[in-house]
């Protein structure tokens, strides 16, 4: 019998353009954070079509990062190009939902477009 994948809660903090009120959704273990956000109406940029070849889907993992696999060398290399790089920075196309609930913050700027207000 196949083991059913666990479902975790992902909370995306408010972002003035992409989700002004924030969004909470459920994601299956093993799914990518980017796909979950897109499926739930958060139009995160992903210029390379989810293949870890740009830094446009950059996010900050504010809670739950301890359950995630560490970034591989390709992700680390692309993160070097992200605006506002922090210790909690990840590429959402590479983050696979694991066993802990996540709190995610979207950066104000992306590699392709700087939004100033």
PDB file of N, CA and C in Angstrom:
ATOM      1  N   UNK A   1       0.834  -1.168   0.000  1.00  0.00           N
ATOM      2  CA  UNK A   1       0.000   0.000   0.000  1.00  0.00           C
ATOM      3  C   UNK A   1       0.892   1.249   0.000  1.00  0.00           C
ATOM      4  N   UNK A   2       0.585   2.197  -0.873  1.00  0.00           N
ATOM      5  CA  UNK A   2       1.375   3.425  -0.971  1.00  0.00           C
ATOM      6  C   UNK A   2       1.125   4.319   0.237  1.00  0.00           C
ATOM      7  N   UNK A   3       2.189   4.929   0.706  1.00  0.00           N
ATOM      8  CA  UNK A   3       2.075   5.833   1.843  1.00  0.00           C
ATOM      9  C   UNK A   3       1.523   7.177   1.359  1.00  0.00           C
ATOM     10  N   UNK A   4       0.494   7.680   2.043  1.00  0.00           N
ATOM     11  CA  UNK A   4      -0.095   8.954   1.676  1.00  0.00           C
ATOM     12  C   UNK A   4       0.836  10.090   2.096  1.00  0.00           C
ATOM     13  N   UNK A   5       0.953  11.095   1.230  1.00  0.00           N
ATOM     14  CA  UNK A   5       1.824  12.225   1.536  1.00  0.00           C
ATOM     15  C   UNK A   5       1.146  13.142   2.549  1.00  0.00           C
ATOM     16  N   UNK A   6       1.962  13.627   3.471  1.00  0.00           N
ATOM     17  CA  UNK A   6       1.486  14.533   4.498  1.00  0.00           C
ATOM     18  C   UNK A   6       1.185  15.909   3.888  1.00  0.00           C
ATOM     19  N   UNK A   7       0.206  16.585   4.456  1.00  0.00           N
ATOM     20  CA  UNK A   7      -0.151  17.929   4.022  1.00  0.00           C
ATOM     21  C   UNK A   7       0.290  18.910   5.098  1.00  0.00           C
ATOM     22  N   UNK A   8       0.932  19.998   4.682  1.00  0.00           N
ATOM     23  CA  UNK A   8       1.357  21.034   5.619  1.00  0.00           C
ATOM     24  C   UNK A   8       0.708  22.359   5.228  1.00  0.00           C
ATOM     25  N   UNK A   9       0.739  23.293   6.152  1.00  0.00           N
ATOM     26  CA  UNK A   9       0.185  24.621   5.914  1.00  0.00           C
ATOM     27  C   UNK A   9       1.310  25.567   5.514  1.00  0.00           C
ATOM     28  N   UNK A  10       1.057  26.334   4.481  1.00  0.00           N
ATOM     29  CA  UNK A  10       1.999  27.355   4.030  1.00  0.00           C
ATOM     30  C   UNK A  10       1.301  28.704   4.196  1.00  0.00           C
ATOM     31  N   UNK A  11       1.937  29.600   4.934  1.00  0.00           N
ATOM     32  CA  UNK A  11       1.403  30.954   5.111  1.00  0.00           C
ATOM     33  C   UNK A  11       2.346  31.921   4.417  1.00  0.00           C
ATOM     34  N   UNK A  12       1.807  32.640   3.438  1.00  0.00           N
ATOM     35  CA  UNK A  12       2.570  33.651   2.722  1.00  0.00           C
ATOM     36  C   UNK A  12       2.185  35.001   3.319  1.00  0.00           C
ATOM     37  N   UNK A  13       3.168  35.703   3.826  1.00  0.00           N
ATOM     38  CA  UNK A  13       2.924  37.000   4.457  1.00  0.00           C
ATOM     39  C   UNK A  13       2.439  38.012   3.427  1.00  0.00           C
ATOM     40  N   UNK A  14       1.708  39.035   3.868  1.00  0.00           N
ATOM     41  CA  UNK A  14       1.200  40.044   2.928  1.00  0.00           C
ATOM     42  C   UNK A  14       2.320  40.687   2.112  1.00  0.00           C
ATOM     43  N   UNK A  15       2.033  40.893   0.835  1.00  0.00           N
ATOM     44  CA  UNK A  15       2.922  41.580  -0.103  1.00  0.00           C
ATOM     45  C   UNK A  15       2.047  42.610  -0.820  1.00  0.00           C
ATOM     46  N   UNK A  16       2.486  43.855  -0.925  1.00  0.00           N
ATOM     47  CA  UNK A  16       1.608  44.906  -1.452  1.00  0.00           C
ATOM     48  C   UNK A  16       1.055  44.646  -2.852  1.00  0.00           C
ATOM     49  N   UNK A  17       1.778  43.935  -3.694  1.00  0.00           N
ATOM     50  CA  UNK A  17       1.332  43.707  -5.066  1.00  0.00           C
ATOM     51  C   UNK A  17       0.796  42.300  -5.314  1.00  0.00           C
ATOM     52  N   UNK A  18       1.456  41.301  -4.781  1.00  0.00           N
ATOM     53  CA  UNK A  18       1.134  39.913  -5.122  1.00  0.00           C
ATOM     54  C   UNK A  18       0.053  39.291  -4.240  1.00  0.00           C
ATOM     55  N   UNK A  19      -0.027  39.689  -2.988  1.00  0.00           N
ATOM     56  CA  UNK A  19      -1.069  39.160  -2.086  1.00  0.00           C
ATOM     57  C   UNK A  19      -1.207  40.111  -0.888  1.00  0.00           C
ATOM     58  N   UNK A  20      -1.919  41.223  -1.089  1.00  0.00           N
ATOM     59  CA  UNK A  20      -2.000  42.265  -0.060  1.00  0.00           C
ATOM     60  C   UNK A  20      -2.488  41.781   1.307  1.00  0.00           C
ATOM     61  N   UNK A  21      -3.313  40.759   1.343  1.00  0.00           N
ATOM     62  CA  UNK A  21      -3.829  40.247   2.616  1.00  0.00           C
ATOM     63  C   UNK A  21      -3.083  39.004   3.091  1.00  0.00           C
ATOM     64  N   UNK A  22      -2.082  38.582   2.339  1.00  0.00           N
ATOM     65  CA  UNK A  22      -1.427  37.318   2.643  1.00  0.00           C
ATOM     66  C   UNK A  22      -2.300  36.166   2.176  1.00  0.00           C
ATOM     67  N   UNK A  23      -1.745  34.981   2.172  1.00  0.00           N
ATOM     68  CA  UNK A  23      -2.470  33.786   1.725  1.00  0.00           C
ATOM     69  C   UNK A  23      -2.032  32.613   2.583  1.00  0.00           C
ATOM     70  N   UNK A  24      -2.989  31.768   2.934  1.00  0.00           N
ATOM     71  CA  UNK A  24      -2.685  30.515   3.630  1.00  0.00           C
ATOM     72  C   UNK A  24      -3.241  29.395   2.765  1.00  0.00           C
ATOM     73  N   UNK A  25      -2.407  28.367   2.522  1.00  0.00           N
ATOM     74  CA  UNK A  25      -2.865  27.224   1.732  1.00  0.00           C
ATOM     75  C   UNK A  25      -2.207  25.954   2.237  1.00  0.00           C
ATOM     76  N   UNK A  26      -2.759  24.833   1.802  1.00  0.00           N
ATOM     77  CA  UNK A  26      -2.185  23.541   2.150  1.00  0.00           C
ATOM     78  C   UNK A  26      -1.408  23.012   0.958  1.00  0.00           C
ATOM     79  N   UNK A  27      -0.289  22.353   1.244  1.00  0.00           N
ATOM     80  CA  UNK A  27       0.557  21.784   0.196  1.00  0.00           C
ATOM     81  C   UNK A  27       0.973  20.383   0.599  1.00  0.00           C
ATOM     82  N   UNK A  28       1.036  19.503  -0.369  1.00  0.00           N
ATOM     83  CA  UNK A  28       1.467  18.135  -0.098  1.00  0.00           C
ATOM     84  C   UNK A  28       2.981  18.059   0.007  1.00  0.00           C
ATOM     85  N   UNK A  29       3.428  17.226   0.916  1.00  0.00           N
ATOM     86  CA  UNK A  29       4.851  16.980   1.090  1.00  0.00           C
ATOM     87  C   UNK A  29       5.437  16.556  -0.256  1.00  0.00           C
ATOM     88  N   UNK A  30       6.560  17.145  -0.625  1.00  0.00           N
ATOM     89  CA  UNK A  30       7.221  16.822  -1.886  1.00  0.00           C
ATOM     90  C   UNK A  30       6.889  17.764  -3.018  1.00  0.00           C
ATOM     91  N   UNK A  31       5.810  18.532  -2.887  1.00  0.00           N
ATOM     92  CA  UNK A  31       5.461  19.500  -3.929  1.00  0.00           C
ATOM     93  C   UNK A  31       6.355  20.732  -3.798  1.00  0.00           C
ATOM     94  N   UNK A  32       6.497  21.491  -4.876  1.00  0.00           N
ATOM     95  CA  UNK A  32       7.341  22.686  -4.786  1.00  0.00           C
ATOM     96  C   UNK A  32       6.539  23.863  -4.249  1.00  0.00           C
ATOM     97  N   UNK A  33       7.233  24.705  -3.538  1.00  0.00           N
ATOM     98  CA  UNK A  33       6.618  25.907  -2.990  1.00  0.00           C
ATOM     99  C   UNK A  33       6.096  26.793  -4.107  1.00  0.00           C
ATOM    100  N   UNK A  34       6.860  26.946  -5.181  1.00  0.00           N
ATOM    101  CA  UNK A  34       6.431  27.784  -6.297  1.00  0.00           C
ATOM    102  C   UNK A  34       5.112  27.295  -6.878  1.00  0.00           C
ATOM    103  N   UNK A  35       4.997  26.000  -7.139  1.00  0.00           N
ATOM    104  CA  UNK A  35       3.744  25.482  -7.704  1.00  0.00           C
ATOM    105  C   UNK A  35       2.567  25.729  -6.759  1.00  0.00           C
ATOM    106  N   UNK A  36       2.791  25.576  -5.467  1.00  0.00           N
ATOM    107  CA  UNK A  36       1.731  25.839  -4.496  1.00  0.00           C
ATOM    108  C   UNK A  36       1.294  27.285  -4.512  1.00  0.00           C
ATOM    109  N   UNK A  37       2.243  28.192  -4.585  1.00  0.00           N
ATOM    110  CA  UNK A  37       1.890  29.614  -4.615  1.00  0.00           C
ATOM    111  C   UNK A  37       1.133  29.958  -5.896  1.00  0.00           C
ATOM    112  N   UNK A  38       1.617  29.470  -7.033  1.00  0.00           N
ATOM    113  CA  UNK A  38       0.936  29.738  -8.299  1.00  0.00           C
ATOM    114  C   UNK A  38      -0.482  29.170  -8.293  1.00  0.00           C
ATOM    115  N   UNK A  39      -0.635  27.964  -7.786  1.00  0.00           N
ATOM    116  CA  UNK A  39      -1.943  27.308  -7.723  1.00  0.00           C
ATOM    117  C   UNK A  39      -2.925  28.096  -6.844  1.00  0.00           C
ATOM    118  N   UNK A  40      -2.387  28.847  -5.893  1.00  0.00           N
ATOM    119  CA  UNK A  40      -3.220  29.603  -4.967  1.00  0.00           C
ATOM    120  C   UNK A  40      -3.266  31.096  -5.289  1.00  0.00           C
ATOM    121  N   UNK A  41      -2.997  31.438  -6.537  1.00  0.00           N
ATOM    122  CA  UNK A  41      -3.207  32.786  -7.028  1.00  0.00           C
ATOM    123  C   UNK A  41      -2.110  33.794  -6.754  1.00  0.00           C
ATOM    124  N   UNK A  42      -0.946  33.347  -6.303  1.00  0.00           N
ATOM    125  CA  UNK A  42       0.163  34.264  -6.056  1.00  0.00           C
ATOM    126  C   UNK A  42       1.070  34.206  -7.287  1.00  0.00           C
ATOM    127  N   UNK A  43       1.039  35.237  -8.085  1.00  0.00           N
ATOM    128  CA  UNK A  43       1.749  35.245  -9.367  1.00  0.00           C
ATOM    129  C   UNK A  43       3.234  35.590  -9.201  1.00  0.00           C
ATOM    130  N   UNK A  44       3.962  34.683  -8.590  1.00  0.00           N
ATOM    131  CA  UNK A  44       5.403  34.845  -8.397  1.00  0.00           C
ATOM    132  C   UNK A  44       6.092  34.704  -9.756  1.00  0.00           C
ATOM    133  N   UNK A  45       7.035  35.597 -10.018  1.00  0.00           N
ATOM    134  CA  UNK A  45       7.802  35.485 -11.261  1.00  0.00           C
ATOM    135  C   UNK A  45       8.569  34.165 -11.283  1.00  0.00           C
ATOM    136  N   UNK A  46       8.726  33.614 -12.468  1.00  0.00           N
ATOM    137  CA  UNK A  46       9.533  32.408 -12.656  1.00  0.00           C
ATOM    138  C   UNK A  46      10.000  32.383 -14.110  1.00  0.00           C
ATOM    139  N   UNK A  47      10.922  33.287 -14.406  1.00  0.00           N
ATOM    140  CA  UNK A  47      11.363  33.547 -15.775  1.00  0.00           C
ATOM    141  C   UNK A  47      11.975  32.330 -16.459  1.00  0.00           C
ATOM    142  N   UNK A  48      12.569  31.425 -15.689  1.00  0.00           N
ATOM    143  CA  UNK A  48      13.235  30.264 -16.305  1.00  0.00           C
ATOM    144  C   UNK A  48      12.300  29.055 -16.379  1.00  0.00           C
ATOM    145  N   UNK A  49      11.028  29.264 -16.072  1.00  0.00           N
ATOM    146  CA  UNK A  49      10.029  28.178 -16.102  1.00  0.00           C
ATOM    147  C   UNK A  49      10.379  27.051 -15.134  1.00  0.00           C
ATOM    148  N   UNK A  50      10.871  27.421 -13.947  1.00  0.00           N
ATOM    149  CA  UNK A  50      11.029  26.497 -12.815  1.00  0.00           C
ATOM    150  C   UNK A  50      12.204  25.519 -12.929  1.00  0.00           C
ATOM    151  N   UNK A  51      13.280  25.920 -13.607  1.00  0.00           N
ATOM    152  CA  UNK A  51      14.413  25.008 -13.767  1.00  0.00           C
ATOM    153  C   UNK A  51      15.688  25.496 -13.073  1.00  0.00           C
ATOM    154  N   UNK A  52      15.574  26.397 -12.118  1.00  0.00           N
ATOM    155  CA  UNK A  52      16.714  26.868 -11.329  1.00  0.00           C
ATOM    156  C   UNK A  52      17.768  27.533 -12.203  1.00  0.00           C
ATOM    157  N   UNK A  53      17.306  28.381 -13.142  1.00  0.00           N
ATOM    158  CA  UNK A  53      18.238  29.072 -14.021  1.00  0.00           C
ATOM    159  C   UNK A  53      18.102  30.590 -13.925  1.00  0.00           C
ATOM    160  N   UNK A  54      17.369  31.065 -12.920  1.00  0.00           N
ATOM    161  CA  UNK A  54      17.242  32.494 -12.673  1.00  0.00           C
ATOM    162  C   UNK A  54      16.968  32.660 -11.177  1.00  0.00           C
ATOM    163  N   UNK A  55      16.823  33.863 -10.743  1.00  0.00           N
ATOM    164  CA  UNK A  55      16.534  34.072  -9.318  1.00  0.00           C
ATOM    165  C   UNK A  55      15.215  34.817  -9.132  1.00  0.00           C
ATOM    166  N   UNK A  56      14.337  34.753 -10.109  1.00  0.00           N
ATOM    167  CA  UNK A  56      13.105  35.542 -10.053  1.00  0.00           C
ATOM    168  C   UNK A  56      12.059  34.985  -9.088  1.00  0.00           C
ATOM    169  N   UNK A  57      12.176  33.739  -8.680  1.00  0.00           N
ATOM    170  CA  UNK A  57      11.215  33.158  -7.731  1.00  0.00           C
ATOM    171  C   UNK A  57      11.759  33.153  -6.302  1.00  0.00           C
ATOM    172  N   UNK A  58      12.703  34.031  -6.044  1.00  0.00           N
ATOM    173  CA  UNK A  58      13.343  34.179  -4.736  1.00  0.00           C
ATOM    174  C   UNK A  58      12.309  34.507  -3.662  1.00  0.00           C
ATOM    175  N   UNK A  59      12.402  33.806  -2.525  1.00  0.00           N
ATOM    176  CA  UNK A  59      11.549  34.048  -1.361  1.00  0.00           C
ATOM    177  C   UNK A  59      12.395  33.944  -0.098  1.00  0.00           C
ATOM    178  N   UNK A  60      11.813  34.380   1.014  1.00  0.00           N
ATOM    179  CA  UNK A  60      12.434  34.200   2.327  1.00  0.00           C
ATOM    180  C   UNK A  60      11.606  33.183   3.099  1.00  0.00           C
ATOM    181  N   UNK A  61      12.233  32.153   3.619  1.00  0.00           N
ATOM    182  CA  UNK A  61      11.547  31.176   4.459  1.00  0.00           C
ATOM    183  C   UNK A  61      11.699  31.661   5.901  1.00  0.00           C
ATOM    184  N   UNK A  62      10.641  32.233   6.454  1.00  0.00           N
ATOM    185  CA  UNK A  62      10.701  32.829   7.793  1.00  0.00           C
ATOM    186  C   UNK A  62      10.478  31.805   8.901  1.00  0.00           C
ATOM    187  N   UNK A  63       9.731  30.741   8.623  1.00  0.00           N
ATOM    188  CA  UNK A  63       9.539  29.663   9.602  1.00  0.00           C
ATOM    189  C   UNK A  63       9.449  28.341   8.860  1.00  0.00           C
ATOM    190  N   UNK A  64       9.972  27.291   9.465  1.00  0.00           N
ATOM    191  CA  UNK A  64       9.879  25.946   8.915  1.00  0.00           C
ATOM    192  C   UNK A  64      11.064  25.506   8.087  1.00  0.00           C
ATOM    193  N   UNK A  65      12.062  26.351   7.940  1.00  0.00           N
ATOM    194  CA  UNK A  65      13.212  26.025   7.086  1.00  0.00           C
ATOM    195  C   UNK A  65      13.980  24.803   7.564  1.00  0.00           C
ATOM    196  N   UNK A  66      13.931  24.516   8.858  1.00  0.00           N
ATOM    197  CA  UNK A  66      14.692  23.388   9.406  1.00  0.00           C
ATOM    198  C   UNK A  66      14.247  22.051   8.817  1.00  0.00           C
ATOM    199  N   UNK A  67      13.030  21.979   8.294  1.00  0.00           N
ATOM    200  CA  UNK A  67      12.555  20.708   7.730  1.00  0.00           C
ATOM    201  C   UNK A  67      12.879  20.566   6.244  1.00  0.00           C
ATOM    202  N   UNK A  68      13.372  21.621   5.629  1.00  0.00           N
ATOM    203  CA  UNK A  68      13.639  21.599   4.192  1.00  0.00           C
ATOM    204  C   UNK A  68      15.033  21.055   3.893  1.00  0.00           C
ATOM    205  N   UNK A  69      15.160  20.450   2.728  1.00  0.00           N
ATOM    206  CA  UNK A  69      16.493  20.050   2.256  1.00  0.00           C
ATOM    207  C   UNK A  69      17.312  21.315   2.047  1.00  0.00           C
ATOM    208  N   UNK A  70      18.609  21.239   2.288  1.00  0.00           N
ATOM    209  CA  UNK A  70      19.444  22.421   2.085  1.00  0.00           C
ATOM    210  C   UNK A  70      19.555  22.721   0.588  1.00  0.00           C
ATOM    211  N   UNK A  71      19.837  23.971   0.286  1.00  0.00           N
ATOM    212  CA  UNK A  71      19.980  24.387  -1.110  1.00  0.00           C
ATOM    213  C   UNK A  71      21.182  23.680  -1.728  1.00  0.00           C
ATOM    214  N   UNK A  72      21.008  23.207  -2.958  1.00  0.00           N
ATOM    215  CA  UNK A  72      22.134  22.577  -3.648  1.00  0.00           C
ATOM    216  C   UNK A  72      23.000  23.659  -4.302  1.00  0.00           C
ATOM    217  N   UNK A  73      24.085  23.261  -4.903  1.00  0.00           N
ATOM    218  CA  UNK A  73      25.044  24.211  -5.471  1.00  0.00           C
ATOM    219  C   UNK A  73      24.423  25.073  -6.568  1.00  0.00           C
ATOM    220  N   UNK A  74      23.579  24.491  -7.409  1.00  0.00           N
ATOM    221  CA  UNK A  74      22.949  25.259  -8.487  1.00  0.00           C
ATOM    222  C   UNK A  74      22.045  26.351  -7.913  1.00  0.00           C
ATOM    223  N   UNK A  75      21.275  26.009  -6.881  1.00  0.00           N
ATOM    224  CA  UNK A  75      20.407  27.007  -6.251  1.00  0.00           C
ATOM    225  C   UNK A  75      21.241  28.099  -5.594  1.00  0.00           C
ATOM    226  N   UNK A  76      22.287  27.714  -4.885  1.00  0.00           N
ATOM    227  CA  UNK A  76      23.164  28.696  -4.237  1.00  0.00           C
ATOM    228  C   UNK A  76      23.761  29.648  -5.274  1.00  0.00           C
ATOM    229  N   UNK A  77      24.181  29.113  -6.415  1.00  0.00           N
ATOM    230  CA  UNK A  77      24.754  29.954  -7.470  1.00  0.00           C
ATOM    231  C   UNK A  77      23.733  30.966  -7.988  1.00  0.00           C
ATOM    232  N   UNK A  78      22.499  30.531  -8.205  1.00  0.00           N
ATOM    233  CA  UNK A  78      21.458  31.444  -8.690  1.00  0.00           C
ATOM    234  C   UNK A  78      21.059  32.462  -7.633  1.00  0.00           C
ATOM    235  N   UNK A  79      21.035  32.045  -6.373  1.00  0.00           N
ATOM    236  CA  UNK A  79      20.687  32.977  -5.295  1.00  0.00           C
ATOM    237  C   UNK A  79      21.659  34.156  -5.226  1.00  0.00           C
ATOM    238  N   UNK A  80      22.888  33.952  -5.673  1.00  0.00           N
ATOM    239  CA  UNK A  80      23.859  35.050  -5.687  1.00  0.00           C
ATOM    240  C   UNK A  80      23.376  36.230  -6.530  1.00  0.00           C
ATOM    241  N   UNK A  81      22.403  35.987  -7.418  1.00  0.00           N
ATOM    242  CA  UNK A  81      21.875  37.027  -8.308  1.00  0.00           C
ATOM    243  C   UNK A  81      20.584  37.647  -7.788  1.00  0.00           C
ATOM    244  N   UNK A  82      20.089  37.194  -6.659  1.00  0.00           N
ATOM    245  CA  UNK A  82      18.800  37.678  -6.133  1.00  0.00           C
ATOM    246  C   UNK A  82      18.964  39.025  -5.446  1.00  0.00           C
ATOM    247  N   UNK A  83      17.924  39.855  -5.542  1.00  0.00           N
ATOM    248  CA  UNK A  83      17.879  41.123  -4.816  1.00  0.00           C
ATOM    249  C   UNK A  83      17.621  40.819  -3.348  1.00  0.00           C
ATOM    250  N   UNK A  84      18.314  41.507  -2.455  1.00  0.00           N
ATOM    251  CA  UNK A  84      18.013  41.416  -1.028  1.00  0.00           C
ATOM    252  C   UNK A  84      18.319  40.057  -0.420  1.00  0.00           C
ATOM    253  N   UNK A  85      19.364  39.424  -0.843  1.00  0.00           N
ATOM    254  CA  UNK A  85      19.728  38.095  -0.360  1.00  0.00           C
ATOM    255  C   UNK A  85      19.910  38.096   1.163  1.00  0.00           C
ATOM    256  N   UNK A  86      19.300  37.112   1.820  1.00  0.00           N
ATOM    257  CA  UNK A  86      19.412  36.927   3.271  1.00  0.00           C
ATOM    258  C   UNK A  86      19.708  35.467   3.564  1.00  0.00           C
ATOM    259  N   UNK A  87      20.025  35.169   4.801  1.00  0.00           N
ATOM    260  CA  UNK A  87      20.290  33.781   5.210  1.00  0.00           C
ATOM    261  C   UNK A  87      19.076  32.895   4.953  1.00  0.00           C
ATOM    262  N   UNK A  88      17.868  33.455   5.010  1.00  0.00           N
ATOM    263  CA  UNK A  88      16.629  32.684   4.820  1.00  0.00           C
ATOM    264  C   UNK A  88      16.185  32.620   3.363  1.00  0.00           C
ATOM    265  N   UNK A  89      17.004  33.125   2.443  1.00  0.00           N
ATOM    266  CA  UNK A  89      16.639  33.166   1.026  1.00  0.00           C
ATOM    267  C   UNK A  89      16.664  31.774   0.405  1.00  0.00           C
ATOM    268  N   UNK A  90      15.667  31.514  -0.424  1.00  0.00           N
ATOM    269  CA  UNK A  90      15.596  30.279  -1.216  1.00  0.00           C
ATOM    270  C   UNK A  90      14.918  30.593  -2.545  1.00  0.00           C
ATOM    271  N   UNK A  91      15.098  29.722  -3.516  1.00  0.00           N
ATOM    272  CA  UNK A  91      14.351  29.799  -4.764  1.00  0.00           C
ATOM    273  C   UNK A  91      13.130  28.896  -4.606  1.00  0.00           C
ATOM    274  N   UNK A  92      11.950  29.472  -4.758  1.00  0.00           N
ATOM    275  CA  UNK A  92      10.735  28.706  -4.483  1.00  0.00           C
ATOM    276  C   UNK A  92      10.535  27.541  -5.445  1.00  0.00           C
ATOM    277  N   UNK A  93      11.166  27.584  -6.623  1.00  0.00           N
ATOM    278  CA  UNK A  93      11.062  26.449  -7.550  1.00  0.00           C
ATOM    279  C   UNK A  93      11.854  25.249  -7.052  1.00  0.00           C
ATOM    280  N   UNK A  94      12.782  25.478  -6.128  1.00  0.00           N
ATOM    281  CA  UNK A  94      13.634  24.404  -5.618  1.00  0.00           C
ATOM    282  C   UNK A  94      13.218  23.920  -4.227  1.00  0.00           C
ATOM    283  N   UNK A  95      12.371  24.676  -3.549  1.00  0.00           N
ATOM    284  CA  UNK A  95      11.928  24.296  -2.204  1.00  0.00           C
ATOM    285  C   UNK A  95      10.827  23.251  -2.316  1.00  0.00           C
ATOM    286  N   UNK A  96      11.095  22.065  -1.797  1.00  0.00           N
ATOM    287  CA  UNK A  96      10.088  21.009  -1.740  1.00  0.00           C
ATOM    288  C   UNK A  96       9.513  20.989  -0.336  1.00  0.00           C
ATOM    289  N   UNK A  97       8.199  21.094  -0.261  1.00  0.00           N
ATOM    290  CA  UNK A  97       7.511  21.082   1.026  1.00  0.00           C
ATOM    291  C   UNK A  97       7.908  19.820   1.771  1.00  0.00           C
ATOM    292  N   UNK A  98       8.231  19.981   3.043  1.00  0.00           N
ATOM    293  CA  UNK A  98       8.688  18.841   3.838  1.00  0.00           C
ATOM    294  C   UNK A  98       7.692  18.578   4.967  1.00  0.00           C
ATOM    295  N   UNK A  99       8.179  18.477   6.184  1.00  0.00           N
ATOM    296  CA  UNK A  99       7.321  18.035   7.283  1.00  0.00           C
ATOM    297  C   UNK A  99       6.824  19.160   8.181  1.00  0.00           C
ATOM    298  N   UNK A 100       7.358  20.358   8.040  1.00  0.00           N
ATOM    299  CA  UNK A 100       6.941  21.466   8.897  1.00  0.00           C
ATOM    300  C   UNK A 100       6.116  22.474   8.112  1.00  0.00           C
ATOM    301  N   UNK A 101       5.207  23.133   8.821  1.00  0.00           N
ATOM    302  CA  UNK A 101       4.485  24.251   8.224  1.00  0.00           C
ATOM    303  C   UNK A 101       5.496  25.331   7.884  1.00  0.00           C
ATOM    304  N   UNK A 102       5.179  26.118   6.870  1.00  0.00           N
ATOM    305  CA  UNK A 102       6.088  27.160   6.411  1.00  0.00           C
ATOM    306  C   UNK A 102       5.456  28.536   6.517  1.00  0.00           C
ATOM    307  N   UNK A 103       6.282  29.517   6.825  1.00  0.00           N
ATOM    308  CA  UNK A 103       5.908  30.921   6.708  1.00  0.00           C
ATOM    309  C   UNK A 103       6.881  31.521   5.709  1.00  0.00           C
ATOM    310  N   UNK A 104       6.329  32.138   4.666  1.00  0.00           N
ATOM    311  CA  UNK A 104       7.114  32.624   3.540  1.00  0.00           C
ATOM    312  C   UNK A 104       6.879  34.120   3.365  1.00  0.00           C
ATOM    313  N   UNK A 105       7.959  34.835   3.097  1.00  0.00           N
ATOM    314  CA  UNK A 105       7.850  36.259   2.768  1.00  0.00           C
ATOM    315  C   UNK A 105       8.362  36.461   1.352  1.00  0.00           C
ATOM    316  N   UNK A 106       7.613  37.215   0.570  1.00  0.00           N
ATOM    317  CA  UNK A 106       8.018  37.534  -0.797  1.00  0.00           C
ATOM    318  C   UNK A 106       8.819  38.829  -0.782  1.00  0.00           C
ATOM    319  N   UNK A 107       9.955  38.862  -1.464  1.00  0.00           N
ATOM    320  CA  UNK A 107      10.746  40.098  -1.485  1.00  0.00           C
ATOM    321  C   UNK A 107      10.039  41.197  -2.271  1.00  0.00           C
ATOM    322  N   UNK A 108      10.367  42.400  -1.940  1.00  0.00           N
ATOM    323  CA  UNK A 108       9.774  43.553  -2.631  1.00  0.00           C
ATOM    324  C   UNK A 108      10.313  43.676  -4.056  1.00  0.00           C
ATOM    325  N   UNK A 109      11.544  43.228  -4.281  1.00  0.00           N
ATOM    326  CA  UNK A 109      12.190  43.337  -5.589  1.00  0.00           C
ATOM    327  C   UNK A 109      12.513  41.948  -6.129  1.00  0.00           C
ATOM    328  N   UNK A 110      12.546  41.837  -7.451  1.00  0.00           N
ATOM    329  CA  UNK A 110      13.010  40.606  -8.082  1.00  0.00           C
ATOM    330  C   UNK A 110      14.141  40.950  -9.033  1.00  0.00           C
ATOM    331  N   UNK A 111      14.782  39.951  -9.525  1.00  0.00           N
ATOM    332  CA  UNK A 111      15.904  40.142 -10.440  1.00  0.00           C
ATOM    333  C   UNK A 111      15.451  40.837 -11.734  1.00  0.00           C
ATOM    334  N   UNK A 112      14.246  40.568 -12.183  1.00  0.00           N
ATOM    335  CA  UNK A 112      13.765  41.134 -13.431  1.00  0.00           C
ATOM    336  C   UNK A 112      13.134  42.505 -13.285  1.00  0.00           C
ATOM    337  N   UNK A 113      12.574  42.795 -12.120  1.00  0.00           N
ATOM    338  CA  UNK A 113      11.804  44.016 -11.988  1.00  0.00           C
ATOM    339  C   UNK A 113      11.934  44.570 -10.589  1.00  0.00           C
ATOM    340  N   UNK A 114      12.410  45.779 -10.474  1.00  0.00           N
ATOM    341  CA  UNK A 114      12.475  46.439  -9.168  1.00  0.00           C
ATOM    342  C   UNK A 114      11.256  47.329  -9.051  1.00  0.00           C
ATOM    343  N   UNK A 115      10.454  47.085  -8.037  1.00  0.00           N
ATOM    344  CA  UNK A 115       9.247  47.869  -7.824  1.00  0.00           C
ATOM    345  C   UNK A 115       9.499  48.867  -6.708  1.00  0.00           C
ATOM    346  N   UNK A 116       9.412  50.120  -7.042  1.00  0.00           N
ATOM    347  CA  UNK A 116       9.640  51.182  -6.070  1.00  0.00           C
ATOM    348  C   UNK A 116       8.313  51.882  -5.807  1.00  0.00           C
ATOM    349  N   UNK A 117       8.032  52.166  -4.546  1.00  0.00           N
ATOM    350  CA  UNK A 117       6.806  52.908  -4.190  1.00  0.00           C
ATOM    351  C   UNK A 117       7.168  54.068  -3.325  1.00  0.00           C
TER     352      UNK A 117
END
